[in-house]
Amino acid sequence: MMETITLVLQLVIACVIFSVWLIRPNWNTPYRAGDAMNIKEEFAVYGLPDWSVYVVGATKIALAIALLAGYWKSELVVPAAISMAILMAGAVLCHLRIKEDSLSRAVPASSMLLMSLFVALI
């Protein structure tokens, strides 16, 4: 049962990452920081350099691929999930640093953090 839950979470995490970074990076969502209309603007709100968008995005996509590949190569799962959790913890902290934003904007990153930790620890 736990193995099934872990596999489903790996798939959910990967699909969310692919959606955010490949399908809708330029979509305005209620979870973007400040008045940001896309991911690049959101990173600017956090005070992060332009290049960090590409590094974080490529890293998250690579980790999502590793989580999917973990179905066949289980040794990939724990390092990928821990790494994703670290990136998601950073995302949560960035959201919390924006004091004028509501805490609800950190919910997606917090959920991804919890799912990644679950996958890594189970």
PDB file of N, CA and C in Angstrom:
ATOM      1  N   MET A   1       0.825  -1.201   0.000  1.00  0.00           N
ATOM      2  CA  MET A   1       0.000   0.000   0.000  1.00  0.00           C
ATOM      3  C   MET A   1       0.867   1.262   0.000  1.00  0.00           C
ATOM      4  N   MET A   2       1.875   1.329   0.875  1.00  0.00           N
ATOM      5  CA  MET A   2       2.737   2.506   0.952  1.00  0.00           C
ATOM      6  C   MET A   2       3.523   2.691  -0.344  1.00  0.00           C
ATOM      7  N   GLU A   3       3.908   1.580  -0.944  1.00  0.00           N
ATOM      8  CA  GLU A   3       4.641   1.662  -2.212  1.00  0.00           C
ATOM      9  C   GLU A   3       3.772   2.305  -3.292  1.00  0.00           C
ATOM     10  N   THR A   4       2.497   1.959  -3.303  1.00  0.00           N
ATOM     11  CA  THR A   4       1.568   2.537  -4.273  1.00  0.00           C
ATOM     12  C   THR A   4       1.400   4.033  -4.031  1.00  0.00           C
ATOM     13  N   ILE A   5       1.252   4.418  -2.772  1.00  0.00           N
ATOM     14  CA  ILE A   5       1.103   5.831  -2.429  1.00  0.00           C
ATOM     15  C   ILE A   5       2.351   6.601  -2.859  1.00  0.00           C
ATOM     16  N   THR A   6       3.515   6.036  -2.583  1.00  0.00           N
ATOM     17  CA  THR A   6       4.768   6.684  -2.958  1.00  0.00           C
ATOM     18  C   THR A   6       4.866   6.855  -4.474  1.00  0.00           C
ATOM     19  N   LEU A   7       4.506   5.824  -5.218  1.00  0.00           N
ATOM     20  CA  LEU A   7       4.551   5.913  -6.680  1.00  0.00           C
ATOM     21  C   LEU A   7       3.582   6.975  -7.203  1.00  0.00           C
ATOM     22  N   VAL A   8       2.396   7.032  -6.613  1.00  0.00           N
ATOM     23  CA  VAL A   8       1.425   8.043  -7.023  1.00  0.00           C
ATOM     24  C   VAL A   8       1.962   9.442  -6.729  1.00  0.00           C
ATOM     25  N   LEU A   9       2.566   9.615  -5.560  1.00  0.00           N
ATOM     26  CA  LEU A   9       3.127  10.924  -5.209  1.00  0.00           C
ATOM     27  C   LEU A   9       4.278  11.310  -6.127  1.00  0.00           C
ATOM     28  N   GLN A  10       5.104  10.346  -6.509  1.00  0.00           N
ATOM     29  CA  GLN A  10       6.180  10.624  -7.466  1.00  0.00           C
ATOM     30  C   GLN A  10       5.581  11.167  -8.766  1.00  0.00           C
ATOM     31  N   LEU A  11       4.515  10.540  -9.224  1.00  0.00           N
ATOM     32  CA  LEU A  11       3.853  10.961 -10.448  1.00  0.00           C
ATOM     33  C   LEU A  11       3.226  12.347 -10.281  1.00  0.00           C
ATOM     34  N   VAL A  12       2.579  12.588  -9.156  1.00  0.00           N
ATOM     35  CA  VAL A  12       1.946  13.890  -8.904  1.00  0.00           C
ATOM     36  C   VAL A  12       2.997  14.991  -8.876  1.00  0.00           C
ATOM     37  N   ILE A  13       4.074  14.774  -8.135  1.00  0.00           N
ATOM     38  CA  ILE A  13       5.143  15.776  -8.051  1.00  0.00           C
ATOM     39  C   ILE A  13       5.684  16.080  -9.445  1.00  0.00           C
ATOM     40  N   ALA A  14       5.990  15.038 -10.206  1.00  0.00           N
ATOM     41  CA  ALA A  14       6.543  15.228 -11.552  1.00  0.00           C
ATOM     42  C   ALA A  14       5.563  15.987 -12.446  1.00  0.00           C
ATOM     43  N   CYS A  15       4.301  15.605 -12.418  1.00  0.00           N
ATOM     44  CA  CYS A  15       3.307  16.269 -13.267  1.00  0.00           C
ATOM     45  C   CYS A  15       3.129  17.736 -12.897  1.00  0.00           C
ATOM     46  N   VAL A  16       3.129  18.041 -11.616  1.00  0.00           N
ATOM     47  CA  VAL A  16       3.003  19.435 -11.181  1.00  0.00           C
ATOM     48  C   VAL A  16       4.208  20.241 -11.665  1.00  0.00           C
ATOM     49  N   ILE A  17       5.395  19.687 -11.499  1.00  0.00           N
ATOM     50  CA  ILE A  17       6.608  20.392 -11.947  1.00  0.00           C
ATOM     51  C   ILE A  17       6.568  20.622 -13.457  1.00  0.00           C
ATOM     52  N   PHE A  18       6.221  19.594 -14.222  1.00  0.00           N
ATOM     53  CA  PHE A  18       6.141  19.755 -15.678  1.00  0.00           C
ATOM     54  C   PHE A  18       5.102  20.816 -16.045  1.00  0.00           C
ATOM     55  N   SER A  19       3.983  20.799 -15.358  1.00  0.00           N
ATOM     56  CA  SER A  19       2.933  21.776 -15.634  1.00  0.00           C
ATOM     57  C   SER A  19       3.400  23.203 -15.355  1.00  0.00           C
ATOM     58  N   VAL A  20       3.973  23.410 -14.174  1.00  0.00           N
ATOM     59  CA  VAL A  20       4.401  24.752 -13.773  1.00  0.00           C
ATOM     60  C   VAL A  20       5.516  25.278 -14.671  1.00  0.00           C
ATOM     61  N   TRP A  21       6.506  24.439 -14.946  1.00  0.00           N
ATOM     62  CA  TRP A  21       7.704  24.920 -15.629  1.00  0.00           C
ATOM     63  C   TRP A  21       7.671  24.788 -17.143  1.00  0.00           C
ATOM     64  N   LEU A  22       6.856  23.878 -17.680  1.00  0.00           N
ATOM     65  CA  LEU A  22       6.850  23.672 -19.130  1.00  0.00           C
ATOM     66  C   LEU A  22       5.560  24.135 -19.808  1.00  0.00           C
ATOM     67  N   ILE A  23       4.436  24.049 -19.109  1.00  0.00           N
ATOM     68  CA  ILE A  23       3.154  24.383 -19.727  1.00  0.00           C
ATOM     69  C   ILE A  23       2.698  25.792 -19.362  1.00  0.00           C
ATOM     70  N   ARG A  24       2.857  26.166 -18.090  1.00  0.00           N
ATOM     71  CA  ARG A  24       2.288  27.448 -17.671  1.00  0.00           C
ATOM     72  C   ARG A  24       3.252  28.399 -16.954  1.00  0.00           C
ATOM     73  N   PRO A  25       4.497  28.504 -17.419  1.00  0.00           N
ATOM     74  CA  PRO A  25       5.413  29.434 -16.751  1.00  0.00           C
ATOM     75  C   PRO A  25       5.005  30.903 -16.931  1.00  0.00           C
ATOM     76  N   ASN A  26       4.241  31.181 -17.970  1.00  0.00           N
ATOM     77  CA  ASN A  26       3.837  32.559 -18.234  1.00  0.00           C
ATOM     78  C   ASN A  26       2.389  32.848 -17.851  1.00  0.00           C
ATOM     79  N   TRP A  27       1.767  31.900 -17.176  1.00  0.00           N
ATOM     80  CA  TRP A  27       0.389  32.109 -16.740  1.00  0.00           C
ATOM     81  C   TRP A  27       0.371  32.865 -15.427  1.00  0.00           C
ATOM     82  N   ASN A  28      -0.567  33.766 -15.310  1.00  0.00           N
ATOM     83  CA  ASN A  28      -0.795  34.455 -14.050  1.00  0.00           C
ATOM     84  C   ASN A  28      -1.642  33.535 -13.170  1.00  0.00           C
ATOM     85  N   THR A  29      -1.181  33.274 -11.972  1.00  0.00           N
ATOM     86  CA  THR A  29      -1.944  32.438 -11.037  1.00  0.00           C
ATOM     87  C   THR A  29      -2.072  33.184  -9.712  1.00  0.00           C
ATOM     88  N   PRO A  30      -3.029  32.795  -8.884  1.00  0.00           N
ATOM     89  CA  PRO A  30      -3.183  33.463  -7.583  1.00  0.00           C
ATOM     90  C   PRO A  30      -2.044  33.140  -6.610  1.00  0.00           C
ATOM     91  N   TYR A  31      -1.143  32.259  -6.990  1.00  0.00           N
ATOM     92  CA  TYR A  31      -0.061  31.857  -6.090  1.00  0.00           C
ATOM     93  C   TYR A  31       1.253  32.565  -6.379  1.00  0.00           C
ATOM     94  N   ARG A  32       1.305  33.397  -7.399  1.00  0.00           N
ATOM     95  CA  ARG A  32       2.529  34.130  -7.722  1.00  0.00           C
ATOM     96  C   ARG A  32       2.765  35.223  -6.679  1.00  0.00           C
ATOM     97  N   ALA A  33       4.020  35.435  -6.376  1.00  0.00           N
ATOM     98  CA  ALA A  33       4.386  36.435  -5.358  1.00  0.00           C
ATOM     99  C   ALA A  33       4.147  37.850  -5.873  1.00  0.00           C
ATOM    100  N   GLY A  34       3.789  38.725  -4.955  1.00  0.00           N
ATOM    101  CA  GLY A  34       3.608  40.134  -5.296  1.00  0.00           C
ATOM    102  C   GLY A  34       2.632  40.301  -6.447  1.00  0.00           C
ATOM    103  N   ASP A  35       3.022  41.116  -7.411  1.00  0.00           N
ATOM    104  CA  ASP A  35       2.196  41.350  -8.594  1.00  0.00           C
ATOM    105  C   ASP A  35       2.730  40.603  -9.807  1.00  0.00           C
ATOM    106  N   ALA A  36       3.528  39.585  -9.587  1.00  0.00           N
ATOM    107  CA  ALA A  36       4.157  38.842 -10.679  1.00  0.00           C
ATOM    108  C   ALA A  36       3.108  38.176 -11.566  1.00  0.00           C
ATOM    109  N   MET A  37       3.350  38.267 -12.860  1.00  0.00           N
ATOM    110  CA  MET A  37       2.452  37.668 -13.847  1.00  0.00           C
ATOM    111  C   MET A  37       3.012  36.362 -14.423  1.00  0.00           C
ATOM    112  N   ASN A  38       4.302  36.070 -14.137  1.00  0.00           N
ATOM    113  CA  ASN A  38       4.930  34.854 -14.649  1.00  0.00           C
ATOM    114  C   ASN A  38       6.091  34.474 -13.727  1.00  0.00           C
ATOM    115  N   ILE A  39       6.755  33.369 -14.037  1.00  0.00           N
ATOM    116  CA  ILE A  39       7.828  32.873 -13.167  1.00  0.00           C
ATOM    117  C   ILE A  39       8.999  33.857 -13.108  1.00  0.00           C
ATOM    118  N   LYS A  40       9.390  34.431 -14.247  1.00  0.00           N
ATOM    119  CA  LYS A  40      10.522  35.374 -14.238  1.00  0.00           C
ATOM    120  C   LYS A  40      10.231  36.559 -13.325  1.00  0.00           C
ATOM    121  N   GLU A  41       9.042  37.109 -13.426  1.00  0.00           N
ATOM    122  CA  GLU A  41       8.661  38.233 -12.569  1.00  0.00           C
ATOM    123  C   GLU A  41       8.609  37.812 -11.101  1.00  0.00           C
ATOM    124  N   GLU A  42       8.156  36.590 -10.861  1.00  0.00           N
ATOM    125  CA  GLU A  42       8.081  36.090  -9.491  1.00  0.00           C
ATOM    126  C   GLU A  42       9.472  35.994  -8.863  1.00  0.00           C
ATOM    127  N   PHE A  43      10.435  35.483  -9.604  1.00  0.00           N
ATOM    128  CA  PHE A  43      11.806  35.400  -9.095  1.00  0.00           C
ATOM    129  C   PHE A  43      12.363  36.798  -8.819  1.00  0.00           C
ATOM    130  N   ALA A  44      11.984  37.769  -9.651  1.00  0.00           N
ATOM    131  CA  ALA A  44      12.417  39.156  -9.430  1.00  0.00           C
ATOM    132  C   ALA A  44      11.806  39.696  -8.134  1.00  0.00           C
ATOM    133  N   VAL A  45      10.549  39.356  -7.865  1.00  0.00           N
ATOM    134  CA  VAL A  45       9.905  39.779  -6.612  1.00  0.00           C
ATOM    135  C   VAL A  45      10.688  39.240  -5.418  1.00  0.00           C
ATOM    136  N   TYR A  46      11.193  38.024  -5.550  1.00  0.00           N
ATOM    137  CA  TYR A  46      11.973  37.417  -4.458  1.00  0.00           C
ATOM    138  C   TYR A  46      13.368  38.028  -4.345  1.00  0.00           C
ATOM    139  N   GLY A  47      13.759  38.823  -5.335  1.00  0.00           N
ATOM    140  CA  GLY A  47      15.088  39.421  -5.321  1.00  0.00           C
ATOM    141  C   GLY A  47      16.161  38.488  -5.863  1.00  0.00           C
ATOM    142  N   LEU A  48      15.750  37.480  -6.618  1.00  0.00           N
ATOM    143  CA  LEU A  48      16.687  36.509  -7.174  1.00  0.00           C
ATOM    144  C   LEU A  48      17.143  36.964  -8.561  1.00  0.00           C
ATOM    145  N   PRO A  49      18.381  36.618  -8.950  1.00  0.00           N
ATOM    146  CA  PRO A  49      18.888  37.023 -10.268  1.00  0.00           C
ATOM    147  C   PRO A  49      18.176  36.284 -11.407  1.00  0.00           C
ATOM    148  N   ASP A  50      18.194  36.888 -12.587  1.00  0.00           N
ATOM    149  CA  ASP A  50      17.528  36.301 -13.759  1.00  0.00           C
ATOM    150  C   ASP A  50      17.977  34.867 -14.033  1.00  0.00           C
ATOM    151  N   TRP A  51      19.277  34.614 -13.923  1.00  0.00           N
ATOM    152  CA  TRP A  51      19.805  33.290 -14.251  1.00  0.00           C
ATOM    153  C   TRP A  51      19.239  32.208 -13.331  1.00  0.00           C
ATOM    154  N   SER A  52      18.823  32.571 -12.126  1.00  0.00           N
ATOM    155  CA  SER A  52      18.329  31.562 -11.178  1.00  0.00           C
ATOM    156  C   SER A  52      17.036  30.901 -11.654  1.00  0.00           C
ATOM    157  N   VAL A  53      16.253  31.613 -12.461  1.00  0.00           N
ATOM    158  CA  VAL A  53      15.022  31.025 -13.005  1.00  0.00           C
ATOM    159  C   VAL A  53      15.372  29.777 -13.817  1.00  0.00           C
ATOM    160  N   TYR A  54      16.407  29.897 -14.647  1.00  0.00           N
ATOM    161  CA  TYR A  54      16.786  28.793 -15.527  1.00  0.00           C
ATOM    162  C   TYR A  54      17.431  27.649 -14.754  1.00  0.00           C
ATOM    163  N   VAL A  55      18.241  27.984 -13.760  1.00  0.00           N
ATOM    164  CA  VAL A  55      18.897  26.941 -12.954  1.00  0.00           C
ATOM    165  C   VAL A  55      17.861  26.176 -12.137  1.00  0.00           C
ATOM    166  N   VAL A  56      16.986  26.902 -11.466  1.00  0.00           N
ATOM    167  CA  VAL A  56      15.956  26.245 -10.655  1.00  0.00           C
ATOM    168  C   VAL A  56      15.012  25.445 -11.539  1.00  0.00           C
ATOM    169  N   GLY A  57      14.585  26.031 -12.651  1.00  0.00           N
ATOM    170  CA  GLY A  57      13.674  25.324 -13.552  1.00  0.00           C
ATOM    171  C   GLY A  57      14.273  24.049 -14.115  1.00  0.00           C
ATOM    172  N   ALA A  58      15.499  24.132 -14.605  1.00  0.00           N
ATOM    173  CA  ALA A  58      16.158  22.946 -15.163  1.00  0.00           C
ATOM    174  C   ALA A  58      16.373  21.883 -14.091  1.00  0.00           C
ATOM    175  N   THR A  59      16.729  22.328 -12.891  1.00  0.00           N
ATOM    176  CA  THR A  59      16.945  21.375 -11.799  1.00  0.00           C
ATOM    177  C   THR A  59      15.648  20.681 -11.418  1.00  0.00           C
ATOM    178  N   LYS A  60      14.566  21.450 -11.300  1.00  0.00           N
ATOM    179  CA  LYS A  60      13.277  20.841 -10.946  1.00  0.00           C
ATOM    180  C   LYS A  60      12.800  19.875 -12.025  1.00  0.00           C
ATOM    181  N   ILE A  61      12.978  20.232 -13.283  1.00  0.00           N
ATOM    182  CA  ILE A  61      12.575  19.332 -14.367  1.00  0.00           C
ATOM    183  C   ILE A  61      13.410  18.059 -14.350  1.00  0.00           C
ATOM    184  N   ALA A  62      14.716  18.183 -14.132  1.00  0.00           N
ATOM    185  CA  ALA A  62      15.587  16.999 -14.046  1.00  0.00           C
ATOM    186  C   ALA A  62      15.175  16.110 -12.873  1.00  0.00           C
ATOM    187  N   LEU A  63      14.846  16.724 -11.748  1.00  0.00           N
ATOM    188  CA  LEU A  63      14.420  15.942 -10.586  1.00  0.00           C
ATOM    189  C   LEU A  63      13.071  15.266 -10.836  1.00  0.00           C
ATOM    190  N   ALA A  64      12.181  15.949 -11.535  1.00  0.00           N
ATOM    191  CA  ALA A  64      10.893  15.340 -11.880  1.00  0.00           C
ATOM    192  C   ALA A  64      11.100  14.128 -12.787  1.00  0.00           C
ATOM    193  N   ILE A  65      12.006  14.255 -13.736  1.00  0.00           N
ATOM    194  CA  ILE A  65      12.333  13.115 -14.607  1.00  0.00           C
ATOM    195  C   ILE A  65      12.907  11.975 -13.777  1.00  0.00           C
ATOM    196  N   ALA A  66      13.779  12.299 -12.825  1.00  0.00           N
ATOM    197  CA  ALA A  66      14.365  11.269 -11.967  1.00  0.00           C
ATOM    198  C   ALA A  66      13.290  10.579 -11.132  1.00  0.00           C
ATOM    199  N   LEU A  67      12.307  11.337 -10.649  1.00  0.00           N
ATOM    200  CA  LEU A  67      11.217  10.720  -9.885  1.00  0.00           C
ATOM    201  C   LEU A  67      10.410   9.764 -10.755  1.00  0.00           C
ATOM    202  N   LEU A  68      10.182  10.132 -12.004  1.00  0.00           N
ATOM    203  CA  LEU A  68       9.491   9.223 -12.922  1.00  0.00           C
ATOM    204  C   LEU A  68      10.349   8.005 -13.237  1.00  0.00           C
ATOM    205  N   ALA A  69      11.632   8.228 -13.496  1.00  0.00           N
ATOM    206  CA  ALA A  69      12.545   7.118 -13.792  1.00  0.00           C
ATOM    207  C   ALA A  69      12.692   6.193 -12.588  1.00  0.00           C
ATOM    208  N   GLY A  70      12.407   6.720 -11.409  1.00  0.00           N
ATOM    209  CA  GLY A  70      12.474   5.916 -10.191  1.00  0.00           C
ATOM    210  C   GLY A  70      11.529   4.733 -10.202  1.00  0.00           C
ATOM    211  N   TYR A  71      10.537   4.766 -11.058  1.00  0.00           N
ATOM    212  CA  TYR A  71       9.646   3.610 -11.213  1.00  0.00           C
ATOM    213  C   TYR A  71      10.450   2.393 -11.667  1.00  0.00           C
ATOM    214  N   TRP A  72      11.446   2.633 -12.511  1.00  0.00           N
ATOM    215  CA  TRP A  72      12.288   1.545 -13.025  1.00  0.00           C
ATOM    216  C   TRP A  72      13.623   1.449 -12.299  1.00  0.00           C
ATOM    217  N   LYS A  73      14.126   2.584 -11.817  1.00  0.00           N
ATOM    218  CA  LYS A  73      15.411   2.641 -11.105  1.00  0.00           C
ATOM    219  C   LYS A  73      15.162   3.232  -9.727  1.00  0.00           C
ATOM    220  N   SER A  74      14.797   2.401  -8.783  1.00  0.00           N
ATOM    221  CA  SER A  74      14.363   2.881  -7.466  1.00  0.00           C
ATOM    222  C   SER A  74      15.444   3.669  -6.719  1.00  0.00           C
ATOM    223  N   GLU A  75      16.705   3.455  -7.054  1.00  0.00           N
ATOM    224  CA  GLU A  75      17.781   4.173  -6.352  1.00  0.00           C
ATOM    225  C   GLU A  75      17.790   5.672  -6.679  1.00  0.00           C
ATOM    226  N   LEU A  76      17.034   6.085  -7.675  1.00  0.00           N
ATOM    227  CA  LEU A  76      16.935   7.508  -8.019  1.00  0.00           C
ATOM    228  C   LEU A  76      15.949   8.272  -7.132  1.00  0.00           C
ATOM    229  N   VAL A  77      15.009   7.550  -6.546  1.00  0.00           N
ATOM    230  CA  VAL A  77      13.880   8.194  -5.884  1.00  0.00           C
ATOM    231  C   VAL A  77      14.288   9.023  -4.665  1.00  0.00           C
ATOM    232  N   VAL A  78      15.008   8.447  -3.733  1.00  0.00           N
ATOM    233  CA  VAL A  78      15.325   9.166  -2.489  1.00  0.00           C
ATOM    234  C   VAL A  78      16.169  10.421  -2.752  1.00  0.00           C
ATOM    235  N   PRO A  79      17.265  10.328  -3.521  1.00  0.00           N
ATOM    236  CA  PRO A  79      18.019  11.562  -3.779  1.00  0.00           C
ATOM    237  C   PRO A  79      17.196  12.626  -4.510  1.00  0.00           C
ATOM    238  N   ALA A  80      16.368  12.202  -5.461  1.00  0.00           N
ATOM    239  CA  ALA A  80      15.537  13.164  -6.195  1.00  0.00           C
ATOM    240  C   ALA A  80      14.501  13.797  -5.273  1.00  0.00           C
ATOM    241  N   ALA A  81      13.871  12.990  -4.433  1.00  0.00           N
ATOM    242  CA  ALA A  81      12.848  13.520  -3.527  1.00  0.00           C
ATOM    243  C   ALA A  81      13.451  14.455  -2.481  1.00  0.00           C
ATOM    244  N   ILE A  82      14.620  14.115  -1.956  1.00  0.00           N
ATOM    245  CA  ILE A  82      15.288  14.996  -0.982  1.00  0.00           C
ATOM    246  C   ILE A  82      15.682  16.313  -1.648  1.00  0.00           C
ATOM    247  N   SER A  83      16.227  16.226  -2.841  1.00  0.00           N
ATOM    248  CA  SER A  83      16.617  17.436  -3.564  1.00  0.00           C
ATOM    249  C   SER A  83      15.404  18.306  -3.876  1.00  0.00           C
ATOM    250  N   MET A  84      14.302  17.674  -4.283  1.00  0.00           N
ATOM    251  CA  MET A  84      13.079  18.425  -4.560  1.00  0.00           C
ATOM    252  C   MET A  84      12.567  19.076  -3.278  1.00  0.00           C
ATOM    253  N   ALA A  85      12.644  18.361  -2.167  1.00  0.00           N
ATOM    254  CA  ALA A  85      12.206  18.919  -0.883  1.00  0.00           C
ATOM    255  C   ALA A  85      13.035  20.152  -0.515  1.00  0.00           C
ATOM    256  N   ILE A  86      14.323  20.099  -0.773  1.00  0.00           N
ATOM    257  CA  ILE A  86      15.193  21.251  -0.481  1.00  0.00           C
ATOM    258  C   ILE A  86      14.770  22.454  -1.330  1.00  0.00           C
ATOM    259  N   LEU A  87      14.536  22.223  -2.616  1.00  0.00           N
ATOM    260  CA  LEU A  87      14.104  23.319  -3.482  1.00  0.00           C
ATOM    261  C   LEU A  87      12.741  23.860  -3.056  1.00  0.00           C
ATOM    262  N   MET A  88      11.845  22.979  -2.648  1.00  0.00           N
ATOM    263  CA  MET A  88      10.521  23.414  -2.215  1.00  0.00           C
ATOM    264  C   MET A  88      10.591  24.162  -0.882  1.00  0.00           C
ATOM    265  N   ALA A  89      11.488  23.754  -0.012  1.00  0.00           N
ATOM    266  CA  ALA A  89      11.686  24.499   1.238  1.00  0.00           C
ATOM    267  C   ALA A  89      12.161  25.918   0.917  1.00  0.00           C
ATOM    268  N   GLY A  90      13.042  26.029  -0.060  1.00  0.00           N
ATOM    269  CA  GLY A  90      13.490  27.344  -0.504  1.00  0.00           C
ATOM    270  C   GLY A  90      12.345  28.166  -1.068  1.00  0.00           C
ATOM    271  N   ALA A  91      11.462  27.526  -1.825  1.00  0.00           N
ATOM    272  CA  ALA A  91      10.301  28.221  -2.387  1.00  0.00           C
ATOM    273  C   ALA A  91       9.375  28.722  -1.276  1.00  0.00           C
ATOM    274  N   VAL A  92       9.152  27.880  -0.274  1.00  0.00           N
ATOM    275  CA  VAL A  92       8.307  28.284   0.864  1.00  0.00           C
ATOM    276  C   VAL A  92       8.933  29.486   1.564  1.00  0.00           C
ATOM    277  N   LEU A  93      10.230  29.431   1.803  1.00  0.00           N
ATOM    278  CA  LEU A  93      10.910  30.557   2.456  1.00  0.00           C
ATOM    279  C   LEU A  93      10.803  31.834   1.629  1.00  0.00           C
ATOM    280  N   CYS A  94      10.943  31.718   0.316  1.00  0.00           N
ATOM    281  CA  CYS A  94      10.799  32.898  -0.546  1.00  0.00           C
ATOM    282  C   CYS A  94       9.397  33.489  -0.401  1.00  0.00           C
ATOM    283  N   HIS A  95       8.387  32.643  -0.392  1.00  0.00           N
ATOM    284  CA  HIS A  95       7.013  33.129  -0.213  1.00  0.00           C
ATOM    285  C   HIS A  95       6.845  33.816   1.138  1.00  0.00           C
ATOM    286  N   LEU A  96       7.412  33.241   2.179  1.00  0.00           N
ATOM    287  CA  LEU A  96       7.255  33.805   3.519  1.00  0.00           C
ATOM    288  C   LEU A  96       7.989  35.132   3.673  1.00  0.00           C
ATOM    289  N   ARG A  97       9.055  35.331   2.903  1.00  0.00           N
ATOM    290  CA  ARG A  97       9.812  36.589   2.954  1.00  0.00           C
ATOM    291  C   ARG A  97       9.013  37.762   2.399  1.00  0.00           C
ATOM    292  N   ILE A  98       8.044  37.483   1.536  1.00  0.00           N
ATOM    293  CA  ILE A  98       7.218  38.535   0.952  1.00  0.00           C
ATOM    294  C   ILE A  98       6.086  38.805   1.942  1.00  0.00           C
ATOM    295  N   LYS A  99       6.321  39.728   2.819  1.00  0.00           N
ATOM    296  CA  LYS A  99       5.424  39.962   3.950  1.00  0.00           C
ATOM    297  C   LYS A  99       4.027  40.435   3.536  1.00  0.00           C
ATOM    298  N   GLU A 100       3.925  41.143   2.408  1.00  0.00           N
ATOM    299  CA  GLU A 100       2.610  41.638   2.013  1.00  0.00           C
ATOM    300  C   GLU A 100       1.744  40.552   1.365  1.00  0.00           C
ATOM    301  N   ASP A 101       2.329  39.415   1.043  1.00  0.00           N
ATOM    302  CA  ASP A 101       1.570  38.304   0.471  1.00  0.00           C
ATOM    303  C   ASP A 101       0.894  37.493   1.574  1.00  0.00           C
ATOM    304  N   SER A 102      -0.223  36.898   1.223  1.00  0.00           N
ATOM    305  CA  SER A 102      -0.898  36.028   2.190  1.00  0.00           C
ATOM    306  C   SER A 102      -0.189  34.674   2.241  1.00  0.00           C
ATOM    307  N   LEU A 103      -0.348  34.000   3.352  1.00  0.00           N
ATOM    308  CA  LEU A 103       0.269  32.679   3.519  1.00  0.00           C
ATOM    309  C   LEU A 103      -0.271  31.667   2.517  1.00  0.00           C
ATOM    310  N   SER A 104      -1.457  31.900   2.010  1.00  0.00           N
ATOM    311  CA  SER A 104      -2.053  30.955   1.060  1.00  0.00           C
ATOM    312  C   SER A 104      -1.219  30.806  -0.208  1.00  0.00           C
ATOM    313  N   ARG A 105      -0.415  31.807  -0.519  1.00  0.00           N
ATOM    314  CA  ARG A 105       0.433  31.708  -1.713  1.00  0.00           C
ATOM    315  C   ARG A 105       1.553  30.681  -1.545  1.00  0.00           C
ATOM    316  N   ALA A 106       1.842  30.297  -0.314  1.00  0.00           N
ATOM    317  CA  ALA A 106       2.877  29.294  -0.061  1.00  0.00           C
ATOM    318  C   ALA A 106       2.305  27.875  -0.016  1.00  0.00           C
ATOM    319  N   VAL A 107       0.987  27.738  -0.141  1.00  0.00           N
ATOM    320  CA  VAL A 107       0.360  26.412  -0.035  1.00  0.00           C
ATOM    321  C   VAL A 107       0.861  25.423  -1.092  1.00  0.00           C
ATOM    322  N   PRO A 108       0.929  25.798  -2.388  1.00  0.00           N
ATOM    323  CA  PRO A 108       1.414  24.809  -3.360  1.00  0.00           C
ATOM    324  C   PRO A 108       2.844  24.342  -3.070  1.00  0.00           C
ATOM    325  N   ALA A 109       3.744  25.264  -2.775  1.00  0.00           N
ATOM    326  CA  ALA A 109       5.128  24.884  -2.474  1.00  0.00           C
ATOM    327  C   ALA A 109       5.192  24.056  -1.199  1.00  0.00           C
ATOM    328  N   SER A 110       4.389  24.402  -0.212  1.00  0.00           N
ATOM    329  CA  SER A 110       4.353  23.629   1.042  1.00  0.00           C
ATOM    330  C   SER A 110       3.848  22.215   0.800  1.00  0.00           C
ATOM    331  N   SER A 111       2.835  22.087  -0.055  1.00  0.00           N
ATOM    332  CA  SER A 111       2.303  20.760  -0.384  1.00  0.00           C
ATOM    333  C   SER A 111       3.343  19.919  -1.107  1.00  0.00           C
ATOM    334  N   MET A 112       4.051  20.545  -2.049  1.00  0.00           N
ATOM    335  CA  MET A 112       5.102  19.822  -2.768  1.00  0.00           C
ATOM    336  C   MET A 112       6.232  19.428  -1.824  1.00  0.00           C
ATOM    337  N   LEU A 113       6.550  20.288  -0.876  1.00  0.00           N
ATOM    338  CA  LEU A 113       7.569  19.977   0.128  1.00  0.00           C
ATOM    339  C   LEU A 113       7.149  18.753   0.937  1.00  0.00           C
ATOM    340  N   LEU A 114       5.919  18.744   1.422  1.00  0.00           N
ATOM    341  CA  LEU A 114       5.445  17.616   2.234  1.00  0.00           C
ATOM    342  C   LEU A 114       5.404  16.320   1.430  1.00  0.00           C
ATOM    343  N   MET A 115       4.936  16.393   0.176  1.00  0.00           N
ATOM    344  CA  MET A 115       4.908  15.190  -0.661  1.00  0.00           C
ATOM    345  C   MET A 115       6.316  14.671  -0.926  1.00  0.00           C
ATOM    346  N   SER A 116       7.246  15.584  -1.189  1.00  0.00           N
ATOM    347  CA  SER A 116       8.635  15.177  -1.455  1.00  0.00           C
ATOM    348  C   SER A 116       9.255  14.524  -0.222  1.00  0.00           C
ATOM    349  N   LEU A 117       8.993  15.093   0.947  1.00  0.00           N
ATOM    350  CA  LEU A 117       9.513  14.504   2.187  1.00  0.00           C
ATOM    351  C   LEU A 117       8.913  13.115   2.429  1.00  0.00           C
ATOM    352  N   PHE A 118       7.618  12.986   2.173  1.00  0.00           N
ATOM    353  CA  PHE A 118       6.969  11.689   2.336  1.00  0.00           C
ATOM    354  C   PHE A 118       7.629  10.645   1.438  1.00  0.00           C
ATOM    355  N   VAL A 119       7.813  10.997   0.170  1.00  0.00           N
ATOM    356  CA  VAL A 119       8.447  10.070  -0.781  1.00  0.00           C
ATOM    357  C   VAL A 119       9.859   9.706  -0.328  1.00  0.00           C
ATOM    358  N   ALA A 120      10.609  10.690   0.159  1.00  0.00           N
ATOM    359  CA  ALA A 120      11.996  10.454   0.569  1.00  0.00           C
ATOM    360  C   ALA A 120      12.069   9.582   1.815  1.00  0.00           C
ATOM    361  N   LEU A 121      11.133   9.735   2.718  1.00  0.00           N
ATOM    362  CA  LEU A 121      11.222   9.050   4.007  1.00  0.00           C
ATOM    363  C   LEU A 121      10.526   7.702   4.051  1.00  0.00           C
ATOM    364  N   ILE A 122       9.659   7.423   3.116  1.00  0.00           N
ATOM    365  CA  ILE A 122       8.898   6.160   3.173  1.00  0.00           C
ATOM    366  C   ILE A 122       9.550   5.073   2.339  1.00  0.00           C
TER     367      ILE A 122
END
